[in-house]
């Protein structure tokens, strides 16, 4: 499985990114993968490799590149509940600095880079995200409806907020098919209802589901939130979505 660390030119500098793709000398549909709050690390690199084995070129940018190459803060091999608050406290200023304007500038750069790689086929891409990355995926898909055919988010955060540009207010711009897999504690029922109403009103093809018995972060095996059965359910939802939307790319 070929992998690379690549520099992505952006409006604000250069983002380091991890890429994985099949070793078959062909061109493959592109997938932009936004990480959770903890960023690019072995867990996400392995996720990209697994996805690439199914026939996709997967690009995982360092969301915090303005503050240095990944990992921007020191991360333990296992992010246990004893250390999680301290790690989040280090990351929070970086998360707060990652404004919507920055997200959209970066999304332009990431998609431009992804779609011009020699290993990536012509046609639409997919954007997936975990935790805060799910909101970034929704913003990217809404901003690039002609380029993004599928968007998926798992244990998402910040999809429904009071902000005028909350991701749930952007869904009328979507042309992508959407899947959202929530942990039981990710969103209150009224927020889920508001999100679903927005998707219905926009005529978007979507599924939202709560993965039973899970807590936020359930796909990440380097955290105590990890659920092997829920990770498998994530693959059971994600792979058919990509197959339906990118098969002809």
Foldseek 3Di string as FASTA:
>chain_A
DDKDWDWFDFPLGTWTKIKDADPPPAAFAEEEEEEALQFDDPQVNVVRNVVRVVGYIYIYIGLQPVQHHPPSDDDDQACEPVCVVVSCVVRVVSVVVCDPVNLQRVLVRVLVVRQPDPRHDDAAHAYEYEACSLQSRLSSQLVCQRRHAEYEYEQYAQQDDPDPVRSLNSLLSHPHEYEYEHEPPSDDPVRVVSSVVSCVVSVHHYYYDYDPPFDGPQLGPSYPRHDVVVVVVVCVPPPVSCCVRGVVD
